Amino acid sequence: MADSGDLNENNTASTEEGVPAGASGDSPEEKSYDASAITVLEGLDAVRKRPGMYIGSTGERGLHHLVYEVVDNSVDEALAGHADTIDVTILPDGGVRVVDNGRGIPVDIVPSEKKPAVEVVLTVLHAGGKFGGGGYAVSGGLHGVGVSVVNALSQKVSVEVKRDGYRWTQDYKLGVPTAPLARNEATDETGTTVTFWADGDIFETTEYSFETLSRRFQEMAFLNKGLTIALTDEREAHVDEEGKPLTVKYHYEGGIVDFVKYLNSRKGEVVHPTVIDIEAEDKERMLSVEVAMQWNTQYTEGVYSFANTIHTHEGGTHEEGFRSAMTGLINRYARDKK
């Protein structure tokens, strides 16, 4: 597109017969479209070539999404009942470290790939325990794409797994392992540590926002009762009033009941002191639902809906179903009580 200042009465656009405007007029042989024009991107190359297709953007939002994807995997361990603590640290050099006390990513060999499972998870798209293999009944995030995308879009990734009686480690550069998975000293602990440094050649910024991350982690803690999520910022320019690293820790035994109390604490007077809390589960279909409600004296509503711990900003059938049922119930009650 030409700049508007270049368009005046002397500017014209024209085409020669059979040659579209803007074409160079090269011979068909020079501009042919055949099999040689087809590019196949192997492995994680597709992610580095088109990162926006996988994380939405290469701006600040996409940068923070990398952190969410790693943390979501740890939250999945909590949802499965195998983890209760997640520690996230923004390192002084701009890296991010995520530690959980879950089962640890499997380290045994995947027969079809002839590689350790942890390497497959970090280097193969659509590889993970979230596709019906029995690893997870409920999960959030990009469902098997997430951590491999983080690896692809990072200059460096280090993974440490405590599992099967040992501590295992492996490093990656631009998505490629720098050495085979190494077995280290014996340990009776379990868990996974993922440390990554986002690639500055891909992202517009590699500066993380402590406030953005802390808000998201507080939300995660609300949605997973009993889970503790801590965030520490070790960057020199980000310290508290005493000169110590900024640190927050979130833990809510009440789950979304505490979430509703927190939301209403900033909205004035509540109509009824007790939060209405409803839970139901269908084990056959592996479905569960929880609703927490409390009315306040304001006239604006606040409805927050989530599916598998992911905030559904634009609603969905789950939110529409709730609204419809609630409206019908209140109308019936009002008619019955005249």
C-alpha atoms as a PDB file:
ATOM      1  CA  MET A   1       0.000   0.000   0.000  1.00  0.00           C
ATOM      2  CA  ALA A   2       1.345   3.421  -0.919  1.00  0.00           C
ATOM      3  CA  ASP A   3       1.529   6.209   1.636  1.00  0.00           C
ATOM      4  CA  SER A   4      -1.403   8.609   1.217  1.00  0.00           C
ATOM      5  CA  GLY A   5       1.057  11.439   0.605  1.00  0.00           C
ATOM      6  CA  ASP A   6       2.246   9.663  -2.555  1.00  0.00           C
ATOM      7  CA  LEU A   7      -1.214   9.626  -4.142  1.00  0.00           C
ATOM      8  CA  ASN A   8      -1.925  12.717  -6.266  1.00  0.00           C
ATOM      9  CA  GLU A   9      -3.323  13.601  -9.636  1.00  0.00           C
ATOM     10  CA  ASN A  10      -0.177  12.396 -11.419  1.00  0.00           C
ATOM     11  CA  ASN A  11      -0.271   8.887  -9.845  1.00  0.00           C
ATOM     12  CA  THR A  12      -1.976   6.199 -11.875  1.00  0.00           C
ATOM     13  CA  ALA A  13      -2.284   2.421 -11.762  1.00  0.00           C
ATOM     14  CA  SER A  14      -2.491   0.355 -14.884  1.00  0.00           C
ATOM     15  CA  THR A  15      -2.157  -3.209 -16.134  1.00  0.00           C
ATOM     16  CA  GLU A  16      -0.796  -4.650 -19.299  1.00  0.00           C
ATOM     17  CA  GLU A  17      -2.887  -7.282 -20.993  1.00  0.00           C
ATOM     18  CA  GLY A  18      -2.409 -10.596 -19.197  1.00  0.00           C
ATOM     19  CA  VAL A  19      -0.056  -9.113 -16.553  1.00  0.00           C
ATOM     20  CA  PRO A  20      -1.632  -8.188 -13.189  1.00  0.00           C
ATOM     21  CA  ALA A  21      -0.711  -4.907 -11.562  1.00  0.00           C
ATOM     22  CA  GLY A  22       2.406  -5.326  -9.429  1.00  0.00           C
ATOM     23  CA  ALA A  23       3.653  -8.388 -11.362  1.00  0.00           C
ATOM     24  CA  SER A  24       7.144  -8.218 -12.767  1.00  0.00           C
ATOM     25  CA  GLY A  25       6.313  -9.862 -16.049  1.00  0.00           C
ATOM     26  CA  ASP A  26       8.739 -12.721 -15.430  1.00  0.00           C
ATOM     27  CA  SER A  27       8.328 -15.817 -17.543  1.00  0.00           C
ATOM     28  CA  PRO A  28       6.130 -18.665 -16.263  1.00  0.00           C
ATOM     29  CA  GLU A  29       9.253 -20.782 -15.788  1.00  0.00           C
ATOM     30  CA  GLU A  30      10.686 -18.255 -13.333  1.00  0.00           C
ATOM     31  CA  LYS A  31       7.439 -17.899 -11.348  1.00  0.00           C
ATOM     32  CA  SER A  32       6.098 -21.437 -11.648  1.00  0.00           C
ATOM     33  CA  TYR A  33       4.155 -22.944  -8.777  1.00  0.00           C
ATOM     34  CA  ASP A  34       5.027 -26.633  -8.518  1.00  0.00           C
ATOM     35  CA  ALA A  35       6.255 -29.145  -5.932  1.00  0.00           C
ATOM     36  CA  SER A  36       9.539 -27.261  -5.536  1.00  0.00           C
ATOM     37  CA  ALA A  37       7.611 -24.301  -4.110  1.00  0.00           C
ATOM     38  CA  ILE A  38       6.295 -26.362  -1.178  1.00  0.00           C
ATOM     39  CA  THR A  39       8.155 -25.886   2.124  1.00  0.00           C
ATOM     40  CA  VAL A  40       7.936 -28.507   4.868  1.00  0.00           C
ATOM     41  CA  LEU A  41       8.847 -27.295   8.346  1.00  0.00           C
ATOM     42  CA  GLU A  42      10.120 -30.166  10.502  1.00  0.00           C
ATOM     43  CA  GLY A  43       9.750 -30.467  14.269  1.00  0.00           C
ATOM     44  CA  LEU A  44       9.514 -27.171  16.096  1.00  0.00           C
ATOM     45  CA  ASP A  45      10.607 -25.064  13.095  1.00  0.00           C
ATOM     46  CA  ALA A  46       6.945 -24.294  12.378  1.00  0.00           C
ATOM     47  CA  VAL A  47       6.572 -22.715  15.811  1.00  0.00           C
ATOM     48  CA  ARG A  48       9.597 -20.467  15.366  1.00  0.00           C
ATOM     49  CA  LYS A  49       8.456 -19.514  11.839  1.00  0.00           C
ATOM     50  CA  ARG A  50       4.865 -18.676  12.855  1.00  0.00           C
ATOM     51  CA  PRO A  51       4.821 -18.175  16.662  1.00  0.00           C
ATOM     52  CA  GLY A  52       1.565 -16.204  16.579  1.00  0.00           C
ATOM     53  CA  MET A  53      -0.316 -19.317  15.467  1.00  0.00           C
ATOM     54  CA  TYR A  54       0.608 -21.008  18.751  1.00  0.00           C
ATOM     55  CA  ILE A  55       0.696 -18.295  21.423  1.00  0.00           C
ATOM     56  CA  GLY A  56      -1.411 -15.532  19.863  1.00  0.00           C
ATOM     57  CA  SER A  57       1.250 -12.826  19.644  1.00  0.00           C
ATOM     58  CA  THR A  58       4.946 -12.098  20.036  1.00  0.00           C
ATOM     59  CA  GLY A  59       4.256  -9.116  22.276  1.00  0.00           C
ATOM     60  CA  GLU A  60       3.906  -8.968  26.046  1.00  0.00           C
ATOM     61  CA  ARG A  61       0.785 -11.148  26.006  1.00  0.00           C
ATOM     62  CA  GLY A  62       2.565 -13.961  24.168  1.00  0.00           C
ATOM     63  CA  LEU A  63       5.613 -13.665  26.409  1.00  0.00           C
ATOM     64  CA  HIS A  64       3.544 -14.173  29.555  1.00  0.00           C
ATOM     65  CA  HIS A  65       1.699 -17.021  27.857  1.00  0.00           C
ATOM     66  CA  LEU A  66       4.958 -18.998  27.902  1.00  0.00           C
ATOM     67  CA  VAL A  67       4.959 -18.825  31.705  1.00  0.00           C
ATOM     68  CA  TYR A  68       1.290 -19.813  31.893  1.00  0.00           C
ATOM     69  CA  GLU A  69       1.886 -22.891  29.747  1.00  0.00           C
ATOM     70  CA  VAL A  70       4.621 -24.222  32.015  1.00  0.00           C
ATOM     71  CA  VAL A  71       2.630 -23.411  35.160  1.00  0.00           C
ATOM     72  CA  ASP A  72      -0.509 -24.998  33.655  1.00  0.00           C
ATOM     73  CA  ASN A  73       1.356 -28.309  33.449  1.00  0.00           C
ATOM     74  CA  SER A  74       2.134 -28.046  37.160  1.00  0.00           C
ATOM     75  CA  VAL A  75      -1.484 -27.136  37.903  1.00  0.00           C
ATOM     76  CA  ASP A  76      -2.547 -30.268  36.005  1.00  0.00           C
ATOM     77  CA  GLU A  77      -0.511 -32.282  38.502  1.00  0.00           C
ATOM     78  CA  ALA A  78      -2.418 -30.545  41.307  1.00  0.00           C
ATOM     79  CA  LEU A  79      -5.757 -31.276  39.612  1.00  0.00           C
ATOM     80  CA  ALA A  80      -4.728 -34.923  39.416  1.00  0.00           C
ATOM     81  CA  GLY A  81      -4.003 -34.900  43.152  1.00  0.00           C
ATOM     82  CA  HIS A  82      -0.222 -35.237  42.927  1.00  0.00           C
ATOM     83  CA  ALA A  83       1.040 -31.717  43.675  1.00  0.00           C
ATOM     84  CA  ASP A  84       0.177 -28.975  46.140  1.00  0.00           C
ATOM     85  CA  THR A  85       2.983 -26.431  45.694  1.00  0.00           C
ATOM     86  CA  ILE A  86       4.220 -24.441  42.684  1.00  0.00           C
ATOM     87  CA  ASP A  87       7.084 -21.941  42.933  1.00  0.00           C
ATOM     88  CA  VAL A  88       7.683 -19.469  40.095  1.00  0.00           C
ATOM     89  CA  THR A  89      10.802 -17.281  40.049  1.00  0.00           C
ATOM     90  CA  ILE A  90      11.758 -14.495  37.643  1.00  0.00           C
ATOM     91  CA  LEU A  91      15.548 -14.807  37.575  1.00  0.00           C
ATOM     92  CA  PRO A  92      17.998 -11.852  37.594  1.00  0.00           C
ATOM     93  CA  ASP A  93      19.042 -12.605  33.990  1.00  0.00           C
ATOM     94  CA  GLY A  94      15.449 -12.596  32.707  1.00  0.00           C
ATOM     95  CA  GLY A  95      14.808 -16.325  32.797  1.00  0.00           C
ATOM     96  CA  VAL A  96      11.835 -17.951  34.509  1.00  0.00           C
ATOM     97  CA  ARG A  97      11.995 -21.023  36.743  1.00  0.00           C
ATOM     98  CA  VAL A  98       8.887 -23.090  37.564  1.00  0.00           C
ATOM     99  CA  VAL A  99       9.144 -25.781  40.258  1.00  0.00           C
ATOM    100  CA  ASP A 100       6.422 -28.209  41.366  1.00  0.00           C
ATOM    101  CA  ASN A 101       6.276 -31.203  43.692  1.00  0.00           C
ATOM    102  CA  GLY A 102       4.239 -33.416  41.360  1.00  0.00           C
ATOM    103  CA  ARG A 103       5.118 -36.843  39.988  1.00  0.00           C
ATOM    104  CA  GLY A 104       7.750 -35.536  37.574  1.00  0.00           C
ATOM    105  CA  ILE A 105       7.613 -35.863  33.783  1.00  0.00           C
ATOM    106  CA  PRO A 106       8.219 -39.532  32.857  1.00  0.00           C
ATOM    107  CA  VAL A 107      11.812 -40.338  31.886  1.00  0.00           C
ATOM    108  CA  ASP A 108      11.401 -43.854  30.459  1.00  0.00           C
ATOM    109  CA  ILE A 109      11.689 -44.442  26.706  1.00  0.00           C
ATOM    110  CA  VAL A 110       8.707 -43.806  24.406  1.00  0.00           C
ATOM    111  CA  PRO A 111       8.817 -46.845  22.065  1.00  0.00           C
ATOM    112  CA  SER A 112       7.521 -45.043  18.968  1.00  0.00           C
ATOM    113  CA  GLU A 113      10.090 -42.234  19.298  1.00  0.00           C
ATOM    114  CA  LYS A 114      12.949 -44.192  20.913  1.00  0.00           C
ATOM    115  CA  LYS A 115      13.598 -41.209  23.158  1.00  0.00           C
ATOM    116  CA  PRO A 116      12.937 -40.459  26.849  1.00  0.00           C
ATOM    117  CA  ALA A 117       9.387 -39.232  27.472  1.00  0.00           C
ATOM    118  CA  VAL A 118      10.601 -35.920  28.892  1.00  0.00           C
ATOM    119  CA  GLU A 119      12.505 -35.196  25.656  1.00  0.00           C
ATOM    120  CA  VAL A 120       9.477 -36.130  23.558  1.00  0.00           C
ATOM    121  CA  VAL A 121       7.233 -33.842  25.613  1.00  0.00           C
ATOM    122  CA  LEU A 122       9.650 -30.943  25.120  1.00  0.00           C
ATOM    123  CA  THR A 123      10.416 -31.442  21.429  1.00  0.00           C
ATOM    124  CA  VAL A 124       7.335 -32.971  19.760  1.00  0.00           C
ATOM    125  CA  LEU A 125       4.123 -31.039  19.143  1.00  0.00           C
ATOM    126  CA  HIS A 126       0.911 -32.712  20.354  1.00  0.00           C
ATOM    127  CA  ALA A 127       2.811 -35.024  22.676  1.00  0.00           C
ATOM    128  CA  GLY A 128       1.693 -35.369  26.283  1.00  0.00           C
ATOM    129  CA  GLY A 129      -0.526 -37.164  28.760  1.00  0.00           C
ATOM    130  CA  LYS A 130      -3.697 -35.232  27.923  1.00  0.00           C
ATOM    131  CA  PHE A 131      -5.078 -37.120  24.948  1.00  0.00           C
ATOM    132  CA  GLY A 132      -6.938 -39.976  26.612  1.00  0.00           C
ATOM    133  CA  GLY A 133      -3.984 -42.125  27.638  1.00  0.00           C
ATOM    134  CA  GLY A 134      -4.954 -42.011  31.309  1.00  0.00           C
ATOM    135  CA  GLY A 135      -2.374 -39.423  32.365  1.00  0.00           C
ATOM    136  CA  TYR A 136      -4.887 -36.682  33.164  1.00  0.00           C
ATOM    137  CA  ALA A 137      -8.671 -36.599  33.496  1.00  0.00           C
ATOM    138  CA  VAL A 138      -8.740 -32.773  33.515  1.00  0.00           C
ATOM    139  CA  SER A 139      -6.176 -30.336  32.157  1.00  0.00           C
ATOM    140  CA  GLY A 140      -5.773 -26.731  31.084  1.00  0.00           C
ATOM    141  CA  GLY A 141      -3.495 -24.865  28.669  1.00  0.00           C
ATOM    142  CA  LEU A 142      -2.756 -25.760  25.061  1.00  0.00           C
ATOM    143  CA  HIS A 143      -3.332 -29.506  25.622  1.00  0.00           C
ATOM    144  CA  GLY A 144      -0.037 -31.104  24.684  1.00  0.00           C
ATOM    145  CA  VAL A 145       1.321 -28.246  22.572  1.00  0.00           C
ATOM    146  CA  GLY A 146       2.298 -25.933  25.426  1.00  0.00           C
ATOM    147  CA  VAL A 147       5.685 -26.896  26.840  1.00  0.00           C
ATOM    148  CA  SER A 148       7.123 -27.877  23.445  1.00  0.00           C
ATOM    149  CA  VAL A 149       6.116 -24.442  22.148  1.00  0.00           C
ATOM    150  CA  VAL A 150       7.861 -22.839  25.135  1.00  0.00           C
ATOM    151  CA  ASN A 151      10.974 -24.832  24.229  1.00  0.00           C
ATOM    152  CA  ALA A 152      10.771 -23.790  20.577  1.00  0.00           C
ATOM    153  CA  LEU A 153      10.464 -20.092  21.433  1.00  0.00           C
ATOM    154  CA  SER A 154      13.257 -20.019  24.017  1.00  0.00           C
ATOM    155  CA  GLN A 155      16.974 -19.442  23.560  1.00  0.00           C
ATOM    156  CA  LYS A 156      17.620 -22.007  26.253  1.00  0.00           C
ATOM    157  CA  VAL A 157      15.591 -24.432  28.377  1.00  0.00           C
ATOM    158  CA  SER A 158      16.774 -26.529  31.313  1.00  0.00           C
ATOM    159  CA  VAL A 159      14.611 -29.306  32.710  1.00  0.00           C
ATOM    160  CA  GLU A 160      15.142 -31.173  35.964  1.00  0.00           C
ATOM    161  CA  VAL A 161      12.978 -34.157  36.924  1.00  0.00           C
ATOM    162  CA  LYS A 162      12.972 -35.940  40.253  1.00  0.00           C
ATOM    163  CA  ARG A 163      11.447 -39.321  39.626  1.00  0.00           C
ATOM    164  CA  ASP A 164      12.066 -43.067  39.794  1.00  0.00           C
ATOM    165  CA  GLY A 165      14.619 -42.599  42.581  1.00  0.00           C
ATOM    166  CA  TYR A 166      16.946 -40.186  40.755  1.00  0.00           C
ATOM    167  CA  ARG A 167      17.375 -36.569  39.648  1.00  0.00           C
ATOM    168  CA  TRP A 168      17.370 -36.295  35.850  1.00  0.00           C
ATOM    169  CA  THR A 169      18.526 -33.259  33.831  1.00  0.00           C
ATOM    170  CA  GLN A 170      18.636 -32.119  30.217  1.00  0.00           C
ATOM    171  CA  ASP A 171      19.321 -28.799  28.454  1.00  0.00           C
ATOM    172  CA  TYR A 172      17.971 -27.479  25.156  1.00  0.00           C
ATOM    173  CA  LYS A 173      19.052 -24.684  22.825  1.00  0.00           C
ATOM    174  CA  LEU A 174      16.503 -23.226  20.418  1.00  0.00           C
ATOM    175  CA  GLY A 175      14.357 -26.319  20.977  1.00  0.00           C
ATOM    176  CA  VAL A 176      17.126 -28.861  20.314  1.00  0.00           C
ATOM    177  CA  PRO A 177      18.682 -31.035  23.075  1.00  0.00           C
ATOM    178  CA  THR A 178      22.334 -30.173  23.708  1.00  0.00           C
ATOM    179  CA  ALA A 179      23.018 -33.586  25.293  1.00  0.00           C
ATOM    180  CA  PRO A 180      21.148 -36.793  26.177  1.00  0.00           C
ATOM    181  CA  LEU A 181      19.033 -36.983  29.327  1.00  0.00           C
ATOM    182  CA  ALA A 182      21.431 -37.383  32.268  1.00  0.00           C
ATOM    183  CA  ARG A 183      20.785 -39.443  35.409  1.00  0.00           C
ATOM    184  CA  ASN A 184      22.256 -37.762  38.490  1.00  0.00           C
ATOM    185  CA  GLU A 185      22.304 -38.497  42.203  1.00  0.00           C
ATOM    186  CA  ALA A 186      19.662 -40.608  43.937  1.00  0.00           C
ATOM    187  CA  THR A 187      16.676 -38.877  45.585  1.00  0.00           C
ATOM    188  CA  ASP A 188      13.399 -39.889  47.131  1.00  0.00           C
ATOM    189  CA  GLU A 189      11.754 -36.604  46.121  1.00  0.00           C
ATOM    190  CA  THR A 190       9.505 -36.116  43.081  1.00  0.00           C
ATOM    191  CA  GLY A 191       8.722 -33.093  40.938  1.00  0.00           C
ATOM    192  CA  THR A 192       9.627 -31.091  37.850  1.00  0.00           C
ATOM    193  CA  THR A 193      11.668 -27.922  37.402  1.00  0.00           C
ATOM    194  CA  VAL A 194      11.547 -26.085  34.058  1.00  0.00           C
ATOM    195  CA  THR A 195      13.754 -23.029  33.531  1.00  0.00           C
ATOM    196  CA  PHE A 196      13.571 -21.104  30.267  1.00  0.00           C
ATOM    197  CA  TRP A 197      14.883 -17.935  28.671  1.00  0.00           C
ATOM    198  CA  ALA A 198      12.536 -16.501  26.026  1.00  0.00           C
ATOM    199  CA  ASP A 199      14.155 -15.767  22.663  1.00  0.00           C
ATOM    200  CA  GLY A 200      14.655 -12.021  22.231  1.00  0.00           C
ATOM    201  CA  ASP A 201      14.895 -12.499  18.461  1.00  0.00           C
ATOM    202  CA  ILE A 202      11.265 -13.641  18.411  1.00  0.00           C
ATOM    203  CA  PHE A 203       9.573 -11.562  21.106  1.00  0.00           C
ATOM    204  CA  GLU A 204       9.154  -7.814  20.993  1.00  0.00           C
ATOM    205  CA  THR A 205      10.012  -7.715  24.703  1.00  0.00           C
ATOM    206  CA  THR A 206      11.394 -10.188  27.211  1.00  0.00           C
ATOM    207  CA  GLU A 207      10.508  -8.049  30.233  1.00  0.00           C
ATOM    208  CA  TYR A 208       7.968  -9.832  32.447  1.00  0.00           C
ATOM    209  CA  SER A 209       5.351  -7.959  34.460  1.00  0.00           C
ATOM    210  CA  PHE A 210       5.244  -9.046  38.104  1.00  0.00           C
ATOM    211  CA  GLU A 211       1.716  -7.645  38.432  1.00  0.00           C
ATOM    212  CA  THR A 212       0.405  -9.521  35.381  1.00  0.00           C
ATOM    213  CA  LEU A 213       1.844 -12.829  36.559  1.00  0.00           C
ATOM    214  CA  SER A 214       0.724 -12.377  40.163  1.00  0.00           C
ATOM    215  CA  ARG A 215      -2.881 -11.668  39.102  1.00  0.00           C
ATOM    216  CA  ARG A 216      -2.965 -14.820  36.997  1.00  0.00           C
ATOM    217  CA  PHE A 217      -1.454 -16.969  39.755  1.00  0.00           C
ATOM    218  CA  GLN A 218      -3.884 -15.627  42.341  1.00  0.00           C
ATOM    219  CA  GLU A 219      -6.718 -16.622  39.995  1.00  0.00           C
ATOM    220  CA  MET A 220      -5.206 -20.098  39.600  1.00  0.00           C
ATOM    221  CA  ALA A 221      -4.973 -20.480  43.381  1.00  0.00           C
ATOM    222  CA  PHE A 222      -8.644 -19.498  43.745  1.00  0.00           C
ATOM    223  CA  LEU A 223      -9.626 -22.108  41.158  1.00  0.00           C
ATOM    224  CA  ASN A 224      -7.613 -24.898  42.791  1.00  0.00           C
ATOM    225  CA  LYS A 225      -8.467 -25.014  46.482  1.00  0.00           C
ATOM    226  CA  GLY A 226      -5.577 -26.079  48.674  1.00  0.00           C
ATOM    227  CA  LEU A 227      -2.916 -25.307  46.039  1.00  0.00           C
ATOM    228  CA  THR A 228      -0.081 -22.947  47.007  1.00  0.00           C
ATOM    229  CA  ILE A 229       1.433 -20.794  44.242  1.00  0.00           C
ATOM    230  CA  ALA A 230       4.365 -18.503  45.037  1.00  0.00           C
ATOM    231  CA  LEU A 231       5.925 -15.879  42.758  1.00  0.00           C
ATOM    232  CA  THR A 232       9.344 -14.318  43.423  1.00  0.00           C
ATOM    233  CA  ASP A 233      11.025 -11.583  41.377  1.00  0.00           C
ATOM    234  CA  GLU A 234      14.838 -11.652  41.728  1.00  0.00           C
ATOM    235  CA  ARG A 235      15.538  -8.899  39.199  1.00  0.00           C
ATOM    236  CA  GLU A 236      17.623  -6.078  40.689  1.00  0.00           C
ATOM    237  CA  ALA A 237      15.209  -3.361  39.589  1.00  0.00           C
ATOM    238  CA  HIS A 238      12.240  -5.115  41.202  1.00  0.00           C
ATOM    239  CA  VAL A 239      12.584  -5.110  44.988  1.00  0.00           C
ATOM    240  CA  ASP A 240      10.288  -4.208  47.869  1.00  0.00           C
ATOM    241  CA  GLU A 241      10.713  -1.271  50.275  1.00  0.00           C
ATOM    242  CA  GLU A 242      13.319  -3.196  52.292  1.00  0.00           C
ATOM    243  CA  GLY A 243      15.376  -4.036  49.225  1.00  0.00           C
ATOM    244  CA  LYS A 244      14.315  -7.689  49.227  1.00  0.00           C
ATOM    245  CA  PRO A 245      12.985  -9.566  46.171  1.00  0.00           C
ATOM    246  CA  LEU A 246       9.270  -9.075  45.566  1.00  0.00           C
ATOM    247  CA  THR A 247       7.391 -12.182  46.712  1.00  0.00           C
ATOM    248  CA  VAL A 248       3.721 -13.138  46.865  1.00  0.00           C
ATOM    249  CA  LYS A 249       2.143 -16.416  47.914  1.00  0.00           C
ATOM    250  CA  TYR A 250      -1.441 -17.499  47.269  1.00  0.00           C
ATOM    251  CA  HIS A 251      -3.331 -20.301  49.011  1.00  0.00           C
ATOM    252  CA  TYR A 252      -7.103 -20.580  49.405  1.00  0.00           C
ATOM    253  CA  GLU A 253      -8.799 -23.454  51.211  1.00  0.00           C
ATOM    254  CA  GLY A 254     -12.214 -22.169  50.141  1.00  0.00           C
ATOM    255  CA  GLY A 255     -11.457 -22.087  46.406  1.00  0.00           C
ATOM    256  CA  ILE A 256     -13.962 -20.086  44.382  1.00  0.00           C
ATOM    257  CA  VAL A 257     -15.945 -19.298  47.554  1.00  0.00           C
ATOM    258  CA  ASP A 258     -12.921 -17.262  48.637  1.00  0.00           C
ATOM    259  CA  PHE A 259     -12.778 -15.874  45.074  1.00  0.00           C
ATOM    260  CA  VAL A 260     -16.311 -14.495  45.357  1.00  0.00           C
ATOM    261  CA  LYS A 261     -15.573 -13.040  48.808  1.00  0.00           C
ATOM    262  CA  TYR A 262     -12.482 -11.358  47.381  1.00  0.00           C
ATOM    263  CA  LEU A 263     -14.410  -9.889  44.434  1.00  0.00           C
ATOM    264  CA  ASN A 264     -17.211  -8.579  46.650  1.00  0.00           C
ATOM    265  CA  SER A 265     -14.777  -7.093  49.166  1.00  0.00           C
ATOM    266  CA  ARG A 266     -14.112  -4.390  46.582  1.00  0.00           C
ATOM    267  CA  LYS A 267     -17.740  -3.822  45.589  1.00  0.00           C
ATOM    268  CA  GLY A 268     -19.378  -2.430  48.698  1.00  0.00           C
ATOM    269  CA  GLU A 269     -22.066  -4.016  50.839  1.00  0.00           C
ATOM    270  CA  VAL A 270     -23.235  -7.605  50.313  1.00  0.00           C
ATOM    271  CA  VAL A 271     -26.955  -8.502  50.380  1.00  0.00           C
ATOM    272  CA  HIS A 272     -26.442 -11.798  52.247  1.00  0.00           C
ATOM    273  CA  PRO A 273     -23.389 -12.740  54.337  1.00  0.00           C
ATOM    274  CA  THR A 274     -23.060 -16.359  53.209  1.00  0.00           C
ATOM    275  CA  VAL A 275     -21.688 -17.298  49.791  1.00  0.00           C
ATOM    276  CA  ILE A 276     -23.977 -19.748  47.961  1.00  0.00           C
ATOM    277  CA  ASP A 277     -21.780 -22.675  46.933  1.00  0.00           C
ATOM    278  CA  ILE A 278     -22.924 -25.589  44.744  1.00  0.00           C
ATOM    279  CA  GLU A 279     -20.858 -28.578  43.609  1.00  0.00           C
ATOM    280  CA  ALA A 280     -21.795 -31.569  41.461  1.00  0.00           C
ATOM    281  CA  GLU A 281     -19.889 -34.391  39.812  1.00  0.00           C
ATOM    282  CA  ASP A 282     -20.654 -37.032  37.188  1.00  0.00           C
ATOM    283  CA  LYS A 283     -17.909 -39.649  37.532  1.00  0.00           C
ATOM    284  CA  GLU A 284     -19.170 -41.693  34.572  1.00  0.00           C
ATOM    285  CA  ARG A 285     -18.633 -38.815  32.160  1.00  0.00           C
ATOM    286  CA  MET A 286     -15.760 -37.327  34.192  1.00  0.00           C
ATOM    287  CA  LEU A 287     -17.588 -34.011  34.553  1.00  0.00           C
ATOM    288  CA  SER A 288     -17.666 -31.716  37.543  1.00  0.00           C
ATOM    289  CA  VAL A 289     -19.046 -28.240  38.136  1.00  0.00           C
ATOM    290  CA  GLU A 290     -18.804 -25.742  40.957  1.00  0.00           C
ATOM    291  CA  VAL A 291     -20.694 -22.484  41.311  1.00  0.00           C
ATOM    292  CA  ALA A 292     -20.252 -19.770  43.960  1.00  0.00           C
ATOM    293  CA  MET A 293     -22.558 -16.733  44.155  1.00  0.00           C
ATOM    294  CA  GLN A 294     -23.129 -13.749  46.400  1.00  0.00           C
ATOM    295  CA  TRP A 295     -25.218 -10.681  45.599  1.00  0.00           C
ATOM    296  CA  ASN A 296     -24.123  -7.155  46.452  1.00  0.00           C
ATOM    297  CA  THR A 297     -25.884  -3.799  46.411  1.00  0.00           C
ATOM    298  CA  GLN A 298     -24.389  -2.635  43.122  1.00  0.00           C
ATOM    299  CA  TYR A 299     -26.303  -2.722  39.843  1.00  0.00           C
ATOM    300  CA  THR A 300     -23.531  -4.127  37.659  1.00  0.00           C
ATOM    301  CA  GLU A 301     -23.045  -7.884  37.478  1.00  0.00           C
ATOM    302  CA  GLY A 302     -19.775  -9.752  37.601  1.00  0.00           C
ATOM    303  CA  VAL A 303     -19.842 -13.244  36.119  1.00  0.00           C
ATOM    304  CA  TYR A 304     -16.555 -15.108  35.761  1.00  0.00           C
ATOM    305  CA  SER A 305     -16.638 -18.475  34.023  1.00  0.00           C
ATOM    306  CA  PHE A 306     -13.858 -21.014  33.625  1.00  0.00           C
ATOM    307  CA  ALA A 307     -13.412 -24.330  31.828  1.00  0.00           C
ATOM    308  CA  ASN A 308     -10.604 -26.608  33.045  1.00  0.00           C
ATOM    309  CA  THR A 309      -9.211 -23.635  35.053  1.00  0.00           C
ATOM    310  CA  ILE A 310      -8.916 -21.470  31.907  1.00  0.00           C
ATOM    311  CA  HIS A 311     -10.864 -18.192  31.991  1.00  0.00           C
ATOM    312  CA  THR A 312     -13.467 -18.205  29.191  1.00  0.00           C
ATOM    313  CA  HIS A 313     -13.596 -14.456  28.549  1.00  0.00           C
ATOM    314  CA  GLU A 314     -16.222 -14.775  25.830  1.00  0.00           C
ATOM    315  CA  GLY A 315     -18.488 -17.135  27.761  1.00  0.00           C
ATOM    316  CA  GLY A 316     -19.718 -20.355  26.225  1.00  0.00           C
ATOM    317  CA  THR A 317     -22.445 -22.961  26.620  1.00  0.00           C
ATOM    318  CA  HIS A 318     -21.464 -23.516  30.258  1.00  0.00           C
ATOM    319  CA  GLU A 319     -22.055 -19.835  31.073  1.00  0.00           C
ATOM    320  CA  GLU A 320     -25.216 -19.575  28.966  1.00  0.00           C
ATOM    321  CA  GLY A 321     -26.607 -22.682  30.639  1.00  0.00           C
ATOM    322  CA  PHE A 322     -25.967 -21.179  34.064  1.00  0.00           C
ATOM    323  CA  ARG A 323     -27.570 -17.851  33.149  1.00  0.00           C
ATOM    324  CA  SER A 324     -30.636 -19.551  31.690  1.00  0.00           C
ATOM    325  CA  ALA A 325     -31.103 -21.850  34.698  1.00  0.00           C
ATOM    326  CA  MET A 326     -30.594 -19.024  37.207  1.00  0.00           C
ATOM    327  CA  THR A 327     -33.046 -16.702  35.422  1.00  0.00           C
ATOM    328  CA  GLY A 328     -35.698 -19.440  35.221  1.00  0.00           C
ATOM    329  CA  LEU A 329     -35.235 -20.392  38.868  1.00  0.00           C
ATOM    330  CA  ILE A 330     -35.568 -16.829  40.179  1.00  0.00           C
ATOM    331  CA  ASN A 331     -38.605 -16.141  37.982  1.00  0.00           C
ATOM    332  CA  ARG A 332     -40.332 -19.324  39.184  1.00  0.00           C
ATOM    333  CA  TYR A 333     -39.570 -18.456  42.795  1.00  0.00           C
ATOM    334  CA  ALA A 334     -40.948 -14.926  42.350  1.00  0.00           C
ATOM    335  CA  ARG A 335     -44.166 -16.237  40.738  1.00  0.00           C
ATOM    336  CA  ASP A 336     -44.652 -18.895  43.424  1.00  0.00           C
ATOM    337  CA  LYS A 337     -44.215 -16.327  46.192  1.00  0.00           C
ATOM    338  CA  LYS A 338     -46.276 -13.763  44.282  1.00  0.00           C
END
